[in-house]
Amino acid sequence: MAEYKLENTDKPDKKREELKGKVLQLRDLVSYNDGTVASRMIISRKAGNITLFSFDENEGLSDHTAPFDAVVTVLEGECEVWVSGQTFLMKEGDTIIFPANVPHALSAITKFKMSLTMIRE
């Protein structure tokens, strides 16, 4: 299972700047990579981040906590999510909020893509 590190930057990024003012299909902004997890940050500010992820089948994020609430929306495929001992099956269009400081993890049932929005206090 992969680890995810929070980034906190307000530096302009040319690739992110090119996304502004356009209609986007979020699932098209991150590609699958065999046997791994890929990510693409599309917004990065002191106030929070929006990051897109793609997971190959059976890949995931290991059990961890984050200091802020995190909103996950499945963009494509299916995954299994664990939050504080509860298990949820998620599919395209489903959203879950991971509470701050509560253990959570996820694993791809099929290849899947998700959006992660983290708002800092």
PDB file of N, CA and C in Angstrom:
ATOM      1  N   MET A   1       0.834  -1.175   0.000  1.00  0.00           N
ATOM      2  CA  MET A   1       0.000   0.000   0.000  1.00  0.00           C
ATOM      3  C   MET A   1       0.882   1.242   0.000  1.00  0.00           C
ATOM      4  N   ALA A   2       0.433   2.261  -0.688  1.00  0.00           N
ATOM      5  CA  ALA A   2       1.202   3.485  -0.847  1.00  0.00           C
ATOM      6  C   ALA A   2       0.998   4.419   0.339  1.00  0.00           C
ATOM      7  N   GLU A   3       1.939   5.293   0.551  1.00  0.00           N
ATOM      8  CA  GLU A   3       1.832   6.348   1.539  1.00  0.00           C
ATOM      9  C   GLU A   3       1.546   7.651   0.798  1.00  0.00           C
ATOM     10  N   TYR A   4       0.799   8.553   1.434  1.00  0.00           N
ATOM     11  CA  TYR A   4       0.488   9.835   0.830  1.00  0.00           C
ATOM     12  C   TYR A   4       0.983  10.927   1.747  1.00  0.00           C
ATOM     13  N   LYS A   5       1.784  11.834   1.210  1.00  0.00           N
ATOM     14  CA  LYS A   5       2.340  12.929   1.989  1.00  0.00           C
ATOM     15  C   LYS A   5       1.632  14.219   1.619  1.00  0.00           C
ATOM     16  N   LEU A   6       1.189  14.964   2.636  1.00  0.00           N
ATOM     17  CA  LEU A   6       0.542  16.247   2.394  1.00  0.00           C
ATOM     18  C   LEU A   6       1.560  17.263   1.907  1.00  0.00           C
ATOM     19  N   GLU A   7       1.221  17.963   0.844  1.00  0.00           N
ATOM     20  CA  GLU A   7       2.056  19.065   0.383  1.00  0.00           C
ATOM     21  C   GLU A   7       1.381  20.360   0.760  1.00  0.00           C
ATOM     22  N   ASN A   8       2.155  21.357   1.061  1.00  0.00           N
ATOM     23  CA  ASN A   8       1.610  22.661   1.408  1.00  0.00           C
ATOM     24  C   ASN A   8       2.444  23.707   0.688  1.00  0.00           C
ATOM     25  N   THR A   9       1.919  24.202  -0.430  1.00  0.00           N
ATOM     26  CA  THR A   9       2.666  25.178  -1.201  1.00  0.00           C
ATOM     27  C   THR A   9       1.717  26.165  -1.852  1.00  0.00           C
ATOM     28  N   ASP A  10       2.143  27.389  -1.971  1.00  0.00           N
ATOM     29  CA  ASP A  10       1.390  28.393  -2.720  1.00  0.00           C
ATOM     30  C   ASP A  10       2.155  28.793  -3.965  1.00  0.00           C
ATOM     31  N   LYS A  11       3.206  28.028  -4.308  1.00  0.00           N
ATOM     32  CA  LYS A  11       3.991  28.345  -5.490  1.00  0.00           C
ATOM     33  C   LYS A  11       3.164  28.134  -6.746  1.00  0.00           C
ATOM     34  N   PRO A  12       3.220  29.070  -7.700  1.00  0.00           N
ATOM     35  CA  PRO A  12       2.527  28.846  -8.967  1.00  0.00           C
ATOM     36  C   PRO A  12       3.151  27.666  -9.698  1.00  0.00           C
ATOM     37  N   ASP A  13       2.331  26.885 -10.328  1.00  0.00           N
ATOM     38  CA  ASP A  13       2.785  25.744 -11.110  1.00  0.00           C
ATOM     39  C   ASP A  13       2.156  25.879 -12.489  1.00  0.00           C
ATOM     40  N   LYS A  14       2.987  25.903 -13.528  1.00  0.00           N
ATOM     41  CA  LYS A  14       2.496  26.165 -14.888  1.00  0.00           C
ATOM     42  C   LYS A  14       1.416  25.164 -15.301  1.00  0.00           C
ATOM     43  N   LYS A  15       1.625  23.874 -15.001  1.00  0.00           N
ATOM     44  CA  LYS A  15       0.639  22.869 -15.392  1.00  0.00           C
ATOM     45  C   LYS A  15      -0.688  23.078 -14.676  1.00  0.00           C
ATOM     46  N   ARG A  16      -0.640  23.473 -13.406  1.00  0.00           N
ATOM     47  CA  ARG A  16      -1.881  23.741 -12.678  1.00  0.00           C
ATOM     48  C   ARG A  16      -2.541  25.022 -13.171  1.00  0.00           C
ATOM     49  N   GLU A  17      -1.741  26.034 -13.463  1.00  0.00           N
ATOM     50  CA  GLU A  17      -2.282  27.304 -13.945  1.00  0.00           C
ATOM     51  C   GLU A  17      -3.016  27.125 -15.271  1.00  0.00           C
ATOM     52  N   GLU A  18      -2.542  26.195 -16.121  1.00  0.00           N
ATOM     53  CA  GLU A  18      -3.172  25.960 -17.416  1.00  0.00           C
ATOM     54  C   GLU A  18      -4.573  25.359 -17.298  1.00  0.00           C
ATOM     55  N   LEU A  19      -4.923  24.818 -16.136  1.00  0.00           N
ATOM     56  CA  LEU A  19      -6.241  24.217 -15.921  1.00  0.00           C
ATOM     57  C   LEU A  19      -7.316  25.253 -15.605  1.00  0.00           C
ATOM     58  N   LYS A  20      -6.912  26.423 -15.160  1.00  0.00           N
ATOM     59  CA  LYS A  20      -7.867  27.429 -14.698  1.00  0.00           C
ATOM     60  C   LYS A  20      -8.692  27.992 -15.861  1.00  0.00           C
ATOM     61  N   GLY A  21      -9.971  28.225 -15.572  1.00  0.00           N
ATOM     62  CA  GLY A  21     -10.860  28.839 -16.553  1.00  0.00           C
ATOM     63  C   GLY A  21     -11.299  27.908 -17.663  1.00  0.00           C
ATOM     64  N   LYS A  22     -11.175  26.593 -17.438  1.00  0.00           N
ATOM     65  CA  LYS A  22     -11.553  25.600 -18.446  1.00  0.00           C
ATOM     66  C   LYS A  22     -12.520  24.592 -17.847  1.00  0.00           C
ATOM     67  N   VAL A  23     -13.337  24.006 -18.705  1.00  0.00           N
ATOM     68  CA  VAL A  23     -14.189  22.900 -18.280  1.00  0.00           C
ATOM     69  C   VAL A  23     -13.330  21.641 -18.315  1.00  0.00           C
ATOM     70  N   LEU A  24     -13.323  20.890 -17.207  1.00  0.00           N
ATOM     71  CA  LEU A  24     -12.430  19.748 -17.072  1.00  0.00           C
ATOM     72  C   LEU A  24     -13.203  18.471 -16.782  1.00  0.00           C
ATOM     73  N   GLN A  25     -12.701  17.366 -17.254  1.00  0.00           N
ATOM     74  CA  GLN A  25     -13.129  16.040 -16.826  1.00  0.00           C
ATOM     75  C   GLN A  25     -12.009  15.550 -15.912  1.00  0.00           C
ATOM     76  N   LEU A  26     -12.231  15.596 -14.603  1.00  0.00           N
ATOM     77  CA  LEU A  26     -11.159  15.290 -13.651  1.00  0.00           C
ATOM     78  C   LEU A  26     -10.537  13.925 -13.899  1.00  0.00           C
ATOM     79  N   ARG A  27     -11.343  12.926 -14.246  1.00  0.00           N
ATOM     80  CA  ARG A  27     -10.798  11.573 -14.442  1.00  0.00           C
ATOM     81  C   ARG A  27      -9.804  11.517 -15.601  1.00  0.00           C
ATOM     82  N   ASP A  28      -9.863  12.475 -16.510  1.00  0.00           N
ATOM     83  CA  ASP A  28      -8.942  12.492 -17.644  1.00  0.00           C
ATOM     84  C   ASP A  28      -7.603  13.163 -17.320  1.00  0.00           C
ATOM     85  N   LEU A  29      -7.486  13.753 -16.139  1.00  0.00           N
ATOM     86  CA  LEU A  29      -6.275  14.497 -15.784  1.00  0.00           C
ATOM     87  C   LEU A  29      -5.213  13.655 -15.090  1.00  0.00           C
ATOM     88  N   VAL A  30      -5.537  12.398 -14.796  1.00  0.00           N
ATOM     89  CA  VAL A  30      -4.563  11.487 -14.185  1.00  0.00           C
ATOM     90  C   VAL A  30      -4.673  10.145 -14.903  1.00  0.00           C
ATOM     91  N   SER A  31      -3.527   9.546 -15.207  1.00  0.00           N
ATOM     92  CA  SER A  31      -3.488   8.283 -15.954  1.00  0.00           C
ATOM     93  C   SER A  31      -3.177   7.116 -15.027  1.00  0.00           C
ATOM     94  N   TYR A  32      -3.582   5.933 -15.459  1.00  0.00           N
ATOM     95  CA  TYR A  32      -3.228   4.713 -14.739  1.00  0.00           C
ATOM     96  C   TYR A  32      -1.790   4.329 -15.054  1.00  0.00           C
ATOM     97  N   ASN A  33      -1.110   3.779 -14.055  1.00  0.00           N
ATOM     98  CA  ASN A  33       0.226   3.219 -14.218  1.00  0.00           C
ATOM     99  C   ASN A  33       0.194   1.814 -13.638  1.00  0.00           C
ATOM    100  N   ASP A  34       0.631   0.824 -14.422  1.00  0.00           N
ATOM    101  CA  ASP A  34       0.581  -0.569 -13.990  1.00  0.00           C
ATOM    102  C   ASP A  34       1.292  -0.764 -12.654  1.00  0.00           C
ATOM    103  N   GLY A  35       0.595  -1.430 -11.723  1.00  0.00           N
ATOM    104  CA  GLY A  35       1.193  -1.838 -10.460  1.00  0.00           C
ATOM    105  C   GLY A  35       1.478  -0.733  -9.470  1.00  0.00           C
ATOM    106  N   THR A  36       0.840   0.438  -9.636  1.00  0.00           N
ATOM    107  CA  THR A  36       1.168   1.536  -8.739  1.00  0.00           C
ATOM    108  C   THR A  36       0.014   2.517  -8.579  1.00  0.00           C
ATOM    109  N   VAL A  37       0.261   3.531  -7.773  1.00  0.00           N
ATOM    110  CA  VAL A  37      -0.660   4.637  -7.551  1.00  0.00           C
ATOM    111  C   VAL A  37      -0.026   5.878  -8.169  1.00  0.00           C
ATOM    112  N   ALA A  38      -0.800   6.621  -8.947  1.00  0.00           N
ATOM    113  CA  ALA A  38      -0.311   7.873  -9.526  1.00  0.00           C
ATOM    114  C   ALA A  38      -1.145   9.019  -8.968  1.00  0.00           C
ATOM    115  N   SER A  39      -0.562  10.188  -8.886  1.00  0.00           N
ATOM    116  CA  SER A  39      -1.309  11.340  -8.386  1.00  0.00           C
ATOM    117  C   SER A  39      -0.953  12.597  -9.170  1.00  0.00           C
ATOM    118  N   ARG A  40      -1.894  13.528  -9.146  1.00  0.00           N
ATOM    119  CA  ARG A  40      -1.682  14.834  -9.773  1.00  0.00           C
ATOM    120  C   ARG A  40      -2.410  15.878  -8.940  1.00  0.00           C
ATOM    121  N   MET A  41      -1.655  16.809  -8.375  1.00  0.00           N
ATOM    122  CA  MET A  41      -2.246  17.884  -7.604  1.00  0.00           C
ATOM    123  C   MET A  41      -2.734  18.949  -8.586  1.00  0.00           C
ATOM    124  N   ILE A  42      -4.002  19.347  -8.456  1.00  0.00           N
ATOM    125  CA  ILE A  42      -4.521  20.363  -9.370  1.00  0.00           C
ATOM    126  C   ILE A  42      -4.712  21.718  -8.688  1.00  0.00           C
ATOM    127  N   ILE A  43      -4.817  21.718  -7.362  1.00  0.00           N
ATOM    128  CA  ILE A  43      -4.845  22.956  -6.572  1.00  0.00           C
ATOM    129  C   ILE A  43      -3.981  22.724  -5.346  1.00  0.00           C
ATOM    130  N   SER A  44      -3.114  23.674  -5.059  1.00  0.00           N
ATOM    131  CA  SER A  44      -2.276  23.582  -3.864  1.00  0.00           C
ATOM    132  C   SER A  44      -2.149  24.968  -3.251  1.00  0.00           C
ATOM    133  N   ARG A  45      -2.785  25.141  -2.106  1.00  0.00           N
ATOM    134  CA  ARG A  45      -2.759  26.414  -1.399  1.00  0.00           C
ATOM    135  C   ARG A  45      -2.578  26.147   0.089  1.00  0.00           C
ATOM    136  N   LYS A  46      -2.210  27.182   0.840  1.00  0.00           N
ATOM    137  CA  LYS A  46      -2.107  27.041   2.288  1.00  0.00           C
ATOM    138  C   LYS A  46      -3.440  26.594   2.873  1.00  0.00           C
ATOM    139  N   ALA A  47      -4.538  27.015   2.261  1.00  0.00           N
ATOM    140  CA  ALA A  47      -5.875  26.666   2.758  1.00  0.00           C
ATOM    141  C   ALA A  47      -6.246  25.221   2.465  1.00  0.00           C
ATOM    142  N   GLY A  48      -5.599  24.586   1.483  1.00  0.00           N
ATOM    143  CA  GLY A  48      -5.902  23.198   1.172  1.00  0.00           C
ATOM    144  C   GLY A  48      -5.452  22.776  -0.209  1.00  0.00           C
ATOM    145  N   ASN A  49      -5.681  21.502  -0.510  1.00  0.00           N
ATOM    146  CA  ASN A  49      -5.256  20.901  -1.779  1.00  0.00           C
ATOM    147  C   ASN A  49      -6.401  20.131  -2.407  1.00  0.00           C
ATOM    148  N   ILE A  50      -6.358  20.016  -3.733  1.00  0.00           N
ATOM    149  CA  ILE A  50      -7.180  19.060  -4.460  1.00  0.00           C
ATOM    150  C   ILE A  50      -6.206  18.216  -5.270  1.00  0.00           C
ATOM    151  N   THR A  51      -6.248  16.908  -5.024  1.00  0.00           N
ATOM    152  CA  THR A  51      -5.327  15.986  -5.685  1.00  0.00           C
ATOM    153  C   THR A  51      -6.130  14.867  -6.324  1.00  0.00           C
ATOM    154  N   LEU A  52      -5.758  14.508  -7.543  1.00  0.00           N
ATOM    155  CA  LEU A  52      -6.377  13.395  -8.255  1.00  0.00           C
ATOM    156  C   LEU A  52      -5.462  12.192  -8.148  1.00  0.00           C
ATOM    157  N   PHE A  53      -6.049  11.016  -7.982  1.00  0.00           N
ATOM    158  CA  PHE A  53      -5.287   9.776  -7.864  1.00  0.00           C
ATOM    159  C   PHE A  53      -5.819   8.746  -8.843  1.00  0.00           C
ATOM    160  N   SER A  54      -4.930   7.901  -9.343  1.00  0.00           N
ATOM    161  CA  SER A  54      -5.335   6.694 -10.062  1.00  0.00           C
ATOM    162  C   SER A  54      -4.654   5.520  -9.367  1.00  0.00           C
ATOM    163  N   PHE A  55      -5.400   4.435  -9.220  1.00  0.00           N
ATOM    164  CA  PHE A  55      -4.920   3.238  -8.541  1.00  0.00           C
ATOM    165  C   PHE A  55      -5.057   2.058  -9.479  1.00  0.00           C
ATOM    166  N   ASP A  56      -3.994   1.297  -9.651  1.00  0.00           N
ATOM    167  CA  ASP A  56      -4.113   0.040 -10.367  1.00  0.00           C
ATOM    168  C   ASP A  56      -4.886  -0.922  -9.465  1.00  0.00           C
ATOM    169  N   GLU A  57      -5.462  -1.954 -10.054  1.00  0.00           N
ATOM    170  CA  GLU A  57      -6.210  -2.947  -9.293  1.00  0.00           C
ATOM    171  C   GLU A  57      -5.367  -3.486  -8.147  1.00  0.00           C
ATOM    172  N   ASN A  58      -5.953  -3.613  -6.971  1.00  0.00           N
ATOM    173  CA  ASN A  58      -5.329  -4.120  -5.740  1.00  0.00           C
ATOM    174  C   ASN A  58      -4.306  -3.177  -5.114  1.00  0.00           C
ATOM    175  N   GLU A  59      -4.128  -1.993  -5.655  1.00  0.00           N
ATOM    176  CA  GLU A  59      -3.268  -0.991  -5.011  1.00  0.00           C
ATOM    177  C   GLU A  59      -4.123  -0.195  -4.031  1.00  0.00           C
ATOM    178  N   GLY A  60      -3.488   0.563  -3.133  1.00  0.00           N
ATOM    179  CA  GLY A  60      -4.269   1.339  -2.185  1.00  0.00           C
ATOM    180  C   GLY A  60      -3.416   2.255  -1.346  1.00  0.00           C
ATOM    181  N   LEU A  61      -4.042   2.844  -0.352  1.00  0.00           N
ATOM    182  CA  LEU A  61      -3.360   3.673   0.639  1.00  0.00           C
ATOM    183  C   LEU A  61      -3.501   2.974   1.979  1.00  0.00           C
ATOM    184  N   SER A  62      -2.399   2.780   2.669  1.00  0.00           N
ATOM    185  CA  SER A  62      -2.406   2.074   3.945  1.00  0.00           C
ATOM    186  C   SER A  62      -3.073   2.914   5.031  1.00  0.00           C
ATOM    187  N   ASP A  63      -3.423   2.257   6.114  1.00  0.00           N
ATOM    188  CA  ASP A  63      -4.090   2.889   7.240  1.00  0.00           C
ATOM    189  C   ASP A  63      -3.261   4.071   7.735  1.00  0.00           C
ATOM    190  N   HIS A  64      -3.914   5.231   7.840  1.00  0.00           N
ATOM    191  CA  HIS A  64      -3.226   6.434   8.293  1.00  0.00           C
ATOM    192  C   HIS A  64      -4.268   7.425   8.816  1.00  0.00           C
ATOM    193  N   THR A  65      -3.801   8.522   9.376  1.00  0.00           N
ATOM    194  CA  THR A  65      -4.674   9.619   9.783  1.00  0.00           C
ATOM    195  C   THR A  65      -4.168  10.895   9.117  1.00  0.00           C
ATOM    196  N   ALA A  66      -5.022  11.892   9.080  1.00  0.00           N
ATOM    197  CA  ALA A  66      -4.643  13.214   8.576  1.00  0.00           C
ATOM    198  C   ALA A  66      -5.171  14.245   9.571  1.00  0.00           C
ATOM    199  N   PRO A  67      -4.489  15.371   9.701  1.00  0.00           N
ATOM    200  CA  PRO A  67      -4.897  16.360  10.697  1.00  0.00           C
ATOM    201  C   PRO A  67      -6.122  17.190  10.296  1.00  0.00           C
ATOM    202  N   PHE A  68      -6.651  16.950   9.086  1.00  0.00           N
ATOM    203  CA  PHE A  68      -7.778  17.720   8.579  1.00  0.00           C
ATOM    204  C   PHE A  68      -8.802  16.777   7.954  1.00  0.00           C
ATOM    205  N   ASP A  69     -10.066  17.214   7.893  1.00  0.00           N
ATOM    206  CA  ASP A  69     -11.068  16.446   7.165  1.00  0.00           C
ATOM    207  C   ASP A  69     -10.634  16.326   5.711  1.00  0.00           C
ATOM    208  N   ALA A  70     -10.955  15.194   5.084  1.00  0.00           N
ATOM    209  CA  ALA A  70     -10.612  14.961   3.683  1.00  0.00           C
ATOM    210  C   ALA A  70     -11.846  14.427   2.967  1.00  0.00           C
ATOM    211  N   VAL A  71     -12.159  15.009   1.817  1.00  0.00           N
ATOM    212  CA  VAL A  71     -13.313  14.592   1.023  1.00  0.00           C
ATOM    213  C   VAL A  71     -12.802  13.795  -0.169  1.00  0.00           C
ATOM    214  N   VAL A  72     -13.266  12.546  -0.289  1.00  0.00           N
ATOM    215  CA  VAL A  72     -12.871  11.672  -1.392  1.00  0.00           C
ATOM    216  C   VAL A  72     -14.095  11.403  -2.262  1.00  0.00           C
ATOM    217  N   THR A  73     -13.946  11.627  -3.570  1.00  0.00           N
ATOM    218  CA  THR A  73     -14.983  11.313  -4.544  1.00  0.00           C
ATOM    219  C   THR A  73     -14.410  10.361  -5.570  1.00  0.00           C
ATOM    220  N   VAL A  74     -15.081   9.236  -5.785  1.00  0.00           N
ATOM    221  CA  VAL A  74     -14.640   8.261  -6.778  1.00  0.00           C
ATOM    222  C   VAL A  74     -15.059   8.765  -8.158  1.00  0.00           C
ATOM    223  N   LEU A  75     -14.089   8.886  -9.052  1.00  0.00           N
ATOM    224  CA  LEU A  75     -14.325   9.386 -10.405  1.00  0.00           C
ATOM    225  C   LEU A  75     -14.554   8.269 -11.411  1.00  0.00           C
ATOM    226  N   GLU A  76     -14.018   7.084 -11.101  1.00  0.00           N
ATOM    227  CA  GLU A  76     -14.083   5.955 -12.035  1.00  0.00           C
ATOM    228  C   GLU A  76     -13.708   4.691 -11.271  1.00  0.00           C
ATOM    229  N   GLY A  77     -14.378   3.574 -11.547  1.00  0.00           N
ATOM    230  CA  GLY A  77     -14.025   2.295 -10.947  1.00  0.00           C
ATOM    231  C   GLY A  77     -14.629   2.097  -9.570  1.00  0.00           C
ATOM    232  N   GLU A  78     -14.061   1.120  -8.825  1.00  0.00           N
ATOM    233  CA  GLU A  78     -14.567   0.760  -7.502  1.00  0.00           C
ATOM    234  C   GLU A  78     -13.419   0.567  -6.519  1.00  0.00           C
ATOM    235  N   CYS A  79     -13.700   0.895  -5.256  1.00  0.00           N
ATOM    236  CA  CYS A  79     -12.714   0.695  -4.205  1.00  0.00           C
ATOM    237  C   CYS A  79     -13.424   0.316  -2.915  1.00  0.00           C
ATOM    238  N   GLU A  80     -12.630  -0.174  -1.982  1.00  0.00           N
ATOM    239  CA  GLU A  80     -13.105  -0.460  -0.641  1.00  0.00           C
ATOM    240  C   GLU A  80     -12.409   0.520   0.290  1.00  0.00           C
ATOM    241  N   VAL A  81     -13.175   1.105   1.209  1.00  0.00           N
ATOM    242  CA  VAL A  81     -12.661   2.128   2.110  1.00  0.00           C
ATOM    243  C   VAL A  81     -12.910   1.672   3.543  1.00  0.00           C
ATOM    244  N   TRP A  82     -11.950   1.928   4.398  1.00  0.00           N
ATOM    245  CA  TRP A  82     -12.087   1.650   5.827  1.00  0.00           C
ATOM    246  C   TRP A  82     -11.950   2.962   6.581  1.00  0.00           C
ATOM    247  N   VAL A  83     -12.930   3.237   7.441  1.00  0.00           N
ATOM    248  CA  VAL A  83     -12.894   4.439   8.273  1.00  0.00           C
ATOM    249  C   VAL A  83     -13.250   4.026   9.690  1.00  0.00           C
ATOM    250  N   SER A  84     -12.316   4.179  10.579  1.00  0.00           N
ATOM    251  CA  SER A  84     -12.547   3.904  11.998  1.00  0.00           C
ATOM    252  C   SER A  84     -13.233   2.552  12.221  1.00  0.00           C
ATOM    253  N   GLY A  85     -12.721   1.521  11.531  1.00  0.00           N
ATOM    254  CA  GLY A  85     -13.226   0.177  11.723  1.00  0.00           C
ATOM    255  C   GLY A  85     -14.426  -0.211  10.870  1.00  0.00           C
ATOM    256  N   GLN A  86     -15.011   0.726  10.135  1.00  0.00           N
ATOM    257  CA  GLN A  86     -16.131   0.417   9.247  1.00  0.00           C
ATOM    258  C   GLN A  86     -15.634   0.280   7.810  1.00  0.00           C
ATOM    259  N   THR A  87     -16.250  -0.622   7.044  1.00  0.00           N
ATOM    260  CA  THR A  87     -15.873  -0.863   5.654  1.00  0.00           C
ATOM    261  C   THR A  87     -16.996  -0.384   4.741  1.00  0.00           C
ATOM    262  N   PHE A  88     -16.607   0.301   3.670  1.00  0.00           N
ATOM    263  CA  PHE A  88     -17.559   0.810   2.685  1.00  0.00           C
ATOM    264  C   PHE A  88     -17.090   0.437   1.284  1.00  0.00           C
ATOM    265  N   LEU A  89     -18.021   0.015   0.448  1.00  0.00           N
ATOM    266  CA  LEU A  89     -17.748  -0.207  -0.970  1.00  0.00           C
ATOM    267  C   LEU A  89     -18.153   1.068  -1.687  1.00  0.00           C
ATOM    268  N   MET A  90     -17.234   1.626  -2.481  1.00  0.00           N
ATOM    269  CA  MET A  90     -17.511   2.874  -3.202  1.00  0.00           C
ATOM    270  C   MET A  90     -17.345   2.661  -4.698  1.00  0.00           C
ATOM    271  N   LYS A  91     -18.165   3.389  -5.471  1.00  0.00           N
ATOM    272  CA  LYS A  91     -18.106   3.324  -6.933  1.00  0.00           C
ATOM    273  C   LYS A  91     -18.204   4.740  -7.484  1.00  0.00           C
ATOM    274  N   GLU A  92     -18.064   4.849  -8.799  1.00  0.00           N
ATOM    275  CA  GLU A  92     -18.110   6.147  -9.469  1.00  0.00           C
ATOM    276  C   GLU A  92     -19.268   7.003  -8.963  1.00  0.00           C
ATOM    277  N   GLY A  93     -18.945   8.233  -8.584  1.00  0.00           N
ATOM    278  CA  GLY A  93     -19.948   9.180  -8.104  1.00  0.00           C
ATOM    279  C   GLY A  93     -20.114   9.208  -6.601  1.00  0.00           C
ATOM    280  N   ASP A  94     -19.610   8.201  -5.891  1.00  0.00           N
ATOM    281  CA  ASP A  94     -19.729   8.160  -4.431  1.00  0.00           C
ATOM    282  C   ASP A  94     -18.696   9.083  -3.787  1.00  0.00           C
ATOM    283  N   THR A  95     -19.086   9.679  -2.660  1.00  0.00           N
ATOM    284  CA  THR A  95     -18.210  10.574  -1.904  1.00  0.00           C
ATOM    285  C   THR A  95     -18.254  10.181  -0.436  1.00  0.00           C
ATOM    286  N   ILE A  96     -17.102  10.297   0.225  1.00  0.00           N
ATOM    287  CA  ILE A  96     -17.017  10.060   1.667  1.00  0.00           C
ATOM    288  C   ILE A  96     -16.125  11.136   2.274  1.00  0.00           C
ATOM    289  N   ILE A  97     -16.420  11.506   3.506  1.00  0.00           N
ATOM    290  CA  ILE A  97     -15.578  12.462   4.231  1.00  0.00           C
ATOM    291  C   ILE A  97     -14.818  11.694   5.305  1.00  0.00           C
ATOM    292  N   PHE A  98     -13.504  11.717   5.211  1.00  0.00           N
ATOM    293  CA  PHE A  98     -12.659  11.126   6.243  1.00  0.00           C
ATOM    294  C   PHE A  98     -12.490  12.181   7.339  1.00  0.00           C
ATOM    295  N   PRO A  99     -12.961  11.917   8.551  1.00  0.00           N
ATOM    296  CA  PRO A  99     -12.805  12.900   9.622  1.00  0.00           C
ATOM    297  C   PRO A  99     -11.333  13.078  10.018  1.00  0.00           C
ATOM    298  N   ALA A 100     -11.006  14.267  10.423  1.00  0.00           N
ATOM    299  CA  ALA A 100      -9.644  14.559  10.892  1.00  0.00           C
ATOM    300  C   ALA A 100      -9.271  13.625  12.029  1.00  0.00           C
ATOM    301  N   ASN A 101      -8.030  13.165  12.012  1.00  0.00           N
ATOM    302  CA  ASN A 101      -7.437  12.362  13.088  1.00  0.00           C
ATOM    303  C   ASN A 101      -8.098  11.007  13.310  1.00  0.00           C
ATOM    304  N   VAL A 102      -8.867  10.521  12.322  1.00  0.00           N
ATOM    305  CA  VAL A 102      -9.517   9.215  12.411  1.00  0.00           C
ATOM    306  C   VAL A 102      -8.829   8.275  11.413  1.00  0.00           C
ATOM    307  N   PRO A 103      -8.417   7.077  11.832  1.00  0.00           N
ATOM    308  CA  PRO A 103      -7.739   6.151  10.914  1.00  0.00           C
ATOM    309  C   PRO A 103      -8.632   5.798   9.718  1.00  0.00           C
ATOM    310  N   HIS A 104      -8.002   5.793   8.530  1.00  0.00           N
ATOM    311  CA  HIS A 104      -8.694   5.421   7.301  1.00  0.00           C
ATOM    312  C   HIS A 104      -7.698   4.833   6.313  1.00  0.00           C
ATOM    313  N   ALA A 105      -8.222   4.041   5.373  1.00  0.00           N
ATOM    314  CA  ALA A 105      -7.403   3.404   4.340  1.00  0.00           C
ATOM    315  C   ALA A 105      -8.321   3.086   3.170  1.00  0.00           C
ATOM    316  N   LEU A 106      -7.725   2.729   2.037  1.00  0.00           N
ATOM    317  CA  LEU A 106      -8.530   2.307   0.896  1.00  0.00           C
ATOM    318  C   LEU A 106      -7.741   1.380  -0.003  1.00  0.00           C
ATOM    319  N   SER A 107      -8.494   0.578  -0.777  1.00  0.00           N
ATOM    320  CA  SER A 107      -7.883  -0.386  -1.685  1.00  0.00           C
ATOM    321  C   SER A 107      -8.737  -0.481  -2.945  1.00  0.00           C
ATOM    322  N   ALA A 108      -8.067  -0.549  -4.094  1.00  0.00           N
ATOM    323  CA  ALA A 108      -8.759  -0.650  -5.377  1.00  0.00           C
ATOM    324  C   ALA A 108      -9.306  -2.054  -5.571  1.00  0.00           C
ATOM    325  N   ILE A 109     -10.598  -2.151  -5.858  1.00  0.00           N
ATOM    326  CA  ILE A 109     -11.200  -3.421  -6.251  1.00  0.00           C
ATOM    327  C   ILE A 109     -10.974  -3.610  -7.749  1.00  0.00           C
ATOM    328  N   THR A 110     -11.219  -2.537  -8.509  1.00  0.00           N
ATOM    329  CA  THR A 110     -10.867  -2.456  -9.927  1.00  0.00           C
ATOM    330  C   THR A 110      -9.906  -1.288 -10.041  1.00  0.00           C
ATOM    331  N   LYS A 111      -9.342  -1.070 -11.203  1.00  0.00           N
ATOM    332  CA  LYS A 111      -8.630   0.188 -11.392  1.00  0.00           C
ATOM    333  C   LYS A 111      -9.619   1.281 -11.044  1.00  0.00           C
ATOM    334  N   PHE A 112      -9.152   2.293 -10.328  1.00  0.00           N
ATOM    335  CA  PHE A 112     -10.072   3.392 -10.033  1.00  0.00           C
ATOM    336  C   PHE A 112      -9.332   4.712  -9.888  1.00  0.00           C
ATOM    337  N   LYS A 113     -10.120   5.778 -10.060  1.00  0.00           N
ATOM    338  CA  LYS A 113      -9.608   7.134  -9.915  1.00  0.00           C
ATOM    339  C   LYS A 113     -10.459   7.870  -8.898  1.00  0.00           C
ATOM    340  N   MET A 114      -9.806   8.769  -8.164  1.00  0.00           N
ATOM    341  CA  MET A 114     -10.521   9.538  -7.152  1.00  0.00           C
ATOM    342  C   MET A 114      -9.965  10.944  -7.062  1.00  0.00           C
ATOM    343  N   SER A 115     -10.782  11.812  -6.518  1.00  0.00           N
ATOM    344  CA  SER A 115     -10.394  13.174  -6.190  1.00  0.00           C
ATOM    345  C   SER A 115     -10.337  13.269  -4.675  1.00  0.00           C
ATOM    346  N   LEU A 116      -9.280  13.882  -4.153  1.00  0.00           N
ATOM    347  CA  LEU A 116      -9.108  14.093  -2.714  1.00  0.00           C
ATOM    348  C   LEU A 116      -9.041  15.598  -2.472  1.00  0.00           C
ATOM    349  N   THR A 117      -9.975  16.115  -1.684  1.00  0.00           N
ATOM    350  CA  THR A 117      -9.973  17.534  -1.313  1.00  0.00           C
ATOM    351  C   THR A 117      -9.703  17.634   0.165  1.00  0.00           C
ATOM    352  N   MET A 118      -8.621  18.335   0.507  1.00  0.00           N
ATOM    353  CA  MET A 118      -8.226  18.517   1.902  1.00  0.00           C
ATOM    354  C   MET A 118      -8.248  20.018   2.192  1.00  0.00           C
ATOM    355  N   ILE A 119      -9.067  20.404   3.156  1.00  0.00           N
ATOM    356  CA  ILE A 119      -9.159  21.798   3.572  1.00  0.00           C
ATOM    357  C   ILE A 119      -8.513  21.926   4.943  1.00  0.00           C
ATOM    358  N   ARG A 120      -7.549  22.820   5.045  1.00  0.00           N
ATOM    359  CA  ARG A 120      -6.866  23.035   6.321  1.00  0.00           C
ATOM    360  C   ARG A 120      -7.596  24.100   7.115  1.00  0.00           C
ATOM    361  N   GLU A 121      -7.456  24.055   8.416  1.00  0.00           N
ATOM    362  CA  GLU A 121      -8.098  25.068   9.253  1.00  0.00           C
ATOM    363  C   GLU A 121      -7.215  26.275   9.380  1.00  0.00           C
TER     364      GLU A 121
END
